[in-house]
Amino acid sequence: MKVLGLIPARGGSKGVPGKNIKMLAGKPLLAYTAEPALQSKLLSKVLLSTDDENIAETGKKLGLYVPFIRPSALAEDSTPTLPVIQHAINFLNSIGEHYDAVCILQATNPLRKKEDIDNCIHKFTEGNYDSLFSMLEVPHEYNPYWTFLEDEKGLLHLSMGGHEPIPRRQLLPKVYHRDGSIYITKTEVIIQKNSLYGDKTGGYLIETDCRINIDTLDDWAKAEEYFKERK
């Protein structure tokens, strides 16, 4: 299976201006995604999709494939991920490059490992999923079987139904949330079904001592502290 690694990185970040090439512990943020992606044994190629010439230049220096500059219409604050991926696929198809699946690697997560990428691809391939994403277990205090919805009268109802919450933590079913670092989807699902998920979705549990997803200056400070402690 040919899997394209795709890193979307636009230039107009509001939460942390210029974050994709801002220096974090001596390297541009983009490098923390580029390096494990390029070290992956199962990604056929790693492409950078950006609307920004400076990000494109940094990406090329890091060894990423940058065959186009993304149209500005696909780099707005409100632009969803799906059309960005479809644009890249359609461009590659137009120059004769075809891939069976796309592995989306967000540059905002600097802790992703090459082993996680390859393990996700391996599980995706073996399970014949339409899509697969990396995930973390939801802490028990936020388990949906212990959370409530408030109605228009101010009354609380268990979000999963029922009259009383499950009495003990040990009886709660395990539930998971997307960690945002790795998404894989079959190309035909992206193009033909206009979806990043399809009908059959799998998950890969990430083992980590810290979760960092940089969207705000507070997130950036947390990342700087993390790498400072490990130096």
Protein backbone atom coordinates (compact mmCIF):
# COMPACT_ATOMS: atom_id res chain seq x y z
CA MET A 1 0.00 0.00 0.00
CA LYS A 2 1.31 3.43 -0.97
CA VAL A 3 0.68 5.90 1.84
CA LEU A 4 1.25 9.63 1.43
CA GLY A 5 2.32 11.57 4.50
CA LEU A 6 0.69 15.01 4.36
CA ILE A 7 1.54 17.91 6.67
CA PRO A 8 -0.92 20.84 6.43
CA ALA A 9 0.72 24.04 7.69
CA ARG A 10 -0.79 27.39 6.79
CA GLY A 11 0.79 30.75 7.45
CA GLY A 12 -2.05 32.68 9.08
CA SER A 13 -2.02 31.34 12.63
CA LYS A 14 -3.79 33.66 15.09
CA GLY A 15 -3.25 31.85 18.41
CA VAL A 16 0.55 31.71 17.99
CA PRO A 17 1.63 33.98 15.11
CA GLY A 18 4.02 32.24 12.71
CA LYS A 19 3.95 29.11 14.86
CA ASN A 20 4.75 26.56 12.15
CA ILE A 21 8.27 27.93 11.68
CA LYS A 22 8.66 29.56 15.10
CA MET A 23 11.72 28.20 16.92
CA LEU A 24 10.95 25.69 19.67
CA ALA A 25 13.94 24.41 21.65
CA GLY A 26 16.30 25.24 18.81
CA LYS A 27 14.20 23.93 15.89
CA PRO A 28 11.23 25.25 13.91
CA LEU A 29 7.99 23.66 15.09
CA LEU A 30 7.53 22.08 11.65
CA ALA A 31 10.72 20.03 12.16
CA TYR A 32 9.15 18.04 15.00
CA THR A 33 6.63 16.62 12.52
CA ALA A 34 8.90 16.46 9.47
CA GLU A 35 11.64 14.43 11.15
CA PRO A 36 9.62 11.41 12.36
CA ALA A 37 7.58 11.46 9.13
CA LEU A 38 10.71 11.27 6.99
CA GLN A 39 12.10 8.53 9.25
CA SER A 40 8.95 6.43 8.85
CA LYS A 41 9.46 3.16 6.99
CA LEU A 42 5.87 3.00 5.73
CA LEU A 43 5.26 6.48 4.30
CA SER A 44 6.02 6.55 0.58
CA LYS A 45 6.49 10.33 0.48
CA VAL A 46 5.97 13.26 2.86
CA LEU A 47 4.30 16.33 1.35
CA LEU A 48 3.89 19.78 2.88
CA SER A 49 0.73 21.70 1.97
CA THR A 50 1.13 25.40 2.75
CA ASP A 51 0.04 28.78 1.43
CA ASP A 52 3.14 30.50 2.85
CA GLU A 53 6.43 30.84 0.94
CA ASN A 54 8.52 31.00 4.13
CA ILE A 55 6.96 27.80 5.47
CA ALA A 56 7.47 26.18 2.06
CA GLU A 57 11.16 27.14 2.09
CA THR A 58 11.62 25.79 5.61
CA GLY A 59 9.85 22.59 4.58
CA LYS A 60 12.19 22.10 1.61
CA LYS A 61 15.23 22.57 3.86
CA LEU A 62 13.85 19.89 6.18
CA GLY A 63 13.53 17.49 3.24
CA LEU A 64 9.78 17.69 2.66
CA TYR A 65 8.15 17.45 -0.78
CA VAL A 66 6.64 20.85 -1.64
CA PRO A 67 5.26 20.61 -5.21
CA PHE A 68 2.78 23.50 -4.93
CA ILE A 69 1.72 26.53 -2.91
CA ARG A 70 -1.77 26.02 -1.54
CA PRO A 71 -4.39 28.51 -2.82
CA SER A 72 -5.22 31.22 -0.29
CA ALA A 73 -8.89 30.23 -0.46
CA LEU A 74 -7.88 26.96 1.20
CA ALA A 75 -5.92 28.65 3.99
CA GLU A 76 -8.58 30.66 5.83
CA ASP A 77 -9.26 30.38 9.58
CA SER A 78 -12.49 28.55 8.78
CA THR A 79 -11.10 26.22 6.11
CA PRO A 80 -11.84 22.56 7.00
CA THR A 81 -9.13 19.92 6.66
CA LEU A 82 -10.97 17.81 4.06
CA PRO A 83 -10.75 20.19 1.06
CA VAL A 84 -7.07 20.82 1.84
CA ILE A 85 -6.40 17.08 1.58
CA GLN A 86 -8.53 16.74 -1.54
CA HIS A 87 -6.60 19.57 -3.19
CA ALA A 88 -3.30 17.79 -2.56
CA ILE A 89 -4.61 14.46 -3.86
CA ASN A 90 -6.06 16.04 -7.00
CA PHE A 91 -2.81 17.89 -7.68
CA LEU A 92 -0.76 14.71 -7.33
CA ASN A 93 -3.18 12.79 -9.53
CA SER A 94 -2.77 15.49 -12.19
CA ILE A 95 0.98 14.86 -12.35
CA GLY A 96 0.65 11.09 -12.31
CA GLU A 97 1.29 10.41 -8.62
CA HIS A 98 -1.28 8.12 -6.99
CA TYR A 99 -1.57 6.92 -3.40
CA ASP A 100 -3.84 4.37 -1.73
CA ALA A 101 -4.14 6.32 1.52
CA VAL A 102 -3.18 9.62 3.11
CA CYS A 103 -1.63 9.96 6.57
CA ILE A 104 -2.37 13.45 7.91
CA LEU A 105 0.21 14.77 10.38
CA GLN A 106 -0.68 18.06 12.05
CA ALA A 107 2.36 20.25 12.69
CA THR A 108 0.88 21.43 16.00
CA ASN A 109 1.80 18.16 17.74
CA PRO A 110 5.59 18.05 18.38
CA LEU A 111 5.71 14.77 20.35
CA ARG A 112 4.75 12.31 17.61
CA LYS A 113 7.19 9.41 17.14
CA LYS A 114 8.12 7.58 13.94
CA GLU A 115 7.08 4.32 15.63
CA ASP A 116 3.60 5.73 16.21
CA ILE A 117 3.26 6.60 12.53
CA ASP A 118 4.34 3.15 11.37
CA ASN A 119 2.25 1.35 13.99
CA CYS A 120 -0.82 3.32 12.90
CA ILE A 121 -0.21 2.48 9.24
CA HIS A 122 0.39 -1.17 10.06
CA LYS A 123 -2.85 -1.45 12.05
CA PHE A 124 -4.74 0.50 9.36
CA THR A 125 -3.51 -1.88 6.66
CA GLU A 126 -4.02 -5.09 8.63
CA GLY A 127 -7.54 -4.11 9.69
CA ASN A 128 -8.57 -2.89 6.23
CA TYR A 129 -10.11 0.20 7.81
CA ASP A 130 -11.49 3.15 5.86
CA SER A 131 -9.75 5.37 8.38
CA LEU A 132 -7.78 5.23 11.60
CA PHE A 133 -6.67 7.86 14.08
CA SER A 134 -4.34 8.01 17.06
CA MET A 135 -6.13 8.31 20.38
CA LEU A 136 -5.80 8.66 24.15
CA GLU A 137 -7.96 7.21 26.89
CA VAL A 138 -10.45 9.66 28.42
CA PRO A 139 -9.76 10.18 32.16
CA HIS A 140 -12.46 8.49 34.24
CA GLU A 141 -13.78 11.78 35.65
CA TYR A 142 -14.69 12.85 32.09
CA ASN A 143 -16.12 9.48 31.03
CA PRO A 144 -19.44 10.11 29.22
CA TYR A 145 -21.16 7.66 31.57
CA TRP A 146 -20.37 10.10 34.37
CA THR A 147 -21.21 13.34 32.55
CA PHE A 148 -24.53 15.20 32.50
CA LEU A 149 -26.56 17.32 30.12
CA GLU A 150 -28.69 20.21 31.41
CA ASP A 151 -32.15 20.67 29.92
CA GLU A 152 -34.09 23.92 29.43
CA LYS A 153 -35.54 23.59 32.95
CA GLY A 154 -32.11 23.30 34.55
CA LEU A 155 -32.48 19.59 35.28
CA LEU A 156 -29.48 17.29 34.77
CA HIS A 157 -29.62 14.06 32.75
CA LEU A 158 -26.86 11.51 32.24
CA SER A 159 -25.38 12.07 28.79
CA MET A 160 -25.50 8.32 28.03
CA GLY A 161 -29.03 7.85 29.43
CA GLY A 162 -30.19 6.00 32.51
CA HIS A 163 -31.31 7.21 35.93
CA GLU A 164 -28.15 6.80 38.01
CA PRO A 165 -24.45 6.97 37.14
CA ILE A 166 -22.32 3.84 37.19
CA PRO A 167 -21.36 3.58 40.88
CA ARG A 168 -17.66 2.72 40.67
CA ARG A 169 -14.77 3.78 38.46
CA GLN A 170 -13.74 0.17 37.92
CA LEU A 171 -17.08 -0.53 36.20
CA LEU A 172 -16.77 2.26 33.64
CA PRO A 173 -16.16 1.17 30.03
CA LYS A 174 -12.97 2.56 28.50
CA VAL A 175 -13.59 5.44 26.12
CA TYR A 176 -11.15 7.34 23.93
CA HIS A 177 -10.64 10.70 22.27
CA ARG A 178 -8.61 11.69 19.21
CA ASP A 179 -5.20 13.03 20.23
CA GLY A 180 -4.82 14.95 16.96
CA SER A 181 -1.41 13.70 15.90
CA ILE A 182 -2.12 11.01 13.26
CA TYR A 183 -5.06 10.44 10.91
CA ILE A 184 -5.05 7.91 8.06
CA THR A 185 -7.78 7.61 5.42
CA LYS A 186 -8.13 5.68 2.18
CA THR A 187 -7.83 7.99 -0.81
CA GLU A 188 -11.04 6.67 -2.36
CA VAL A 189 -12.94 7.56 0.82
CA ILE A 190 -11.57 11.12 0.76
CA ILE A 191 -12.38 11.67 -2.90
CA GLN A 192 -15.41 9.50 -3.63
CA LYS A 193 -17.20 9.67 -0.26
CA ASN A 194 -16.08 13.21 0.57
CA SER A 195 -15.09 12.06 4.06
CA LEU A 196 -12.07 11.63 6.31
CA TYR A 197 -13.70 8.71 8.12
CA GLY A 198 -15.78 6.46 5.86
CA ASP A 199 -17.74 3.58 7.37
CA LYS A 200 -15.05 1.62 9.17
CA THR A 201 -12.83 3.56 11.59
CA GLY A 202 -10.09 2.16 13.82
CA GLY A 203 -7.97 3.67 16.56
CA TYR A 204 -4.40 3.38 17.77
CA LEU A 205 -3.71 4.07 21.46
CA ILE A 206 -0.77 6.44 21.91
CA GLU A 207 1.57 5.80 24.83
CA THR A 208 2.79 9.16 26.10
CA ASP A 209 3.84 10.90 29.30
CA CYS A 210 2.63 14.26 28.00
CA ARG A 211 0.13 15.56 25.48
CA ILE A 212 0.91 18.80 23.65
CA ASN A 213 -1.22 20.29 20.89
CA ILE A 214 -0.13 23.85 20.18
CA ASP A 215 -3.01 26.23 19.48
CA THR A 216 -2.38 29.01 22.01
CA LEU A 217 0.52 30.83 23.64
CA ASP A 218 -0.13 28.83 26.81
CA ASP A 219 0.29 25.62 24.77
CA TRP A 220 3.56 27.01 23.39
CA ALA A 221 4.83 27.76 26.89
CA LYS A 222 3.94 24.22 27.96
CA ALA A 223 5.93 22.83 25.00
CA GLU A 224 8.94 25.00 25.81
CA GLU A 225 8.87 23.82 29.44
CA TYR A 226 8.58 20.18 28.32
CA PHE A 227 11.68 20.34 26.12
CA LYS A 228 13.59 22.44 28.65
CA GLU A 229 13.07 19.78 31.32
CA ARG A 230 14.30 17.06 28.97
CA LYS A 231 17.49 18.88 28.05
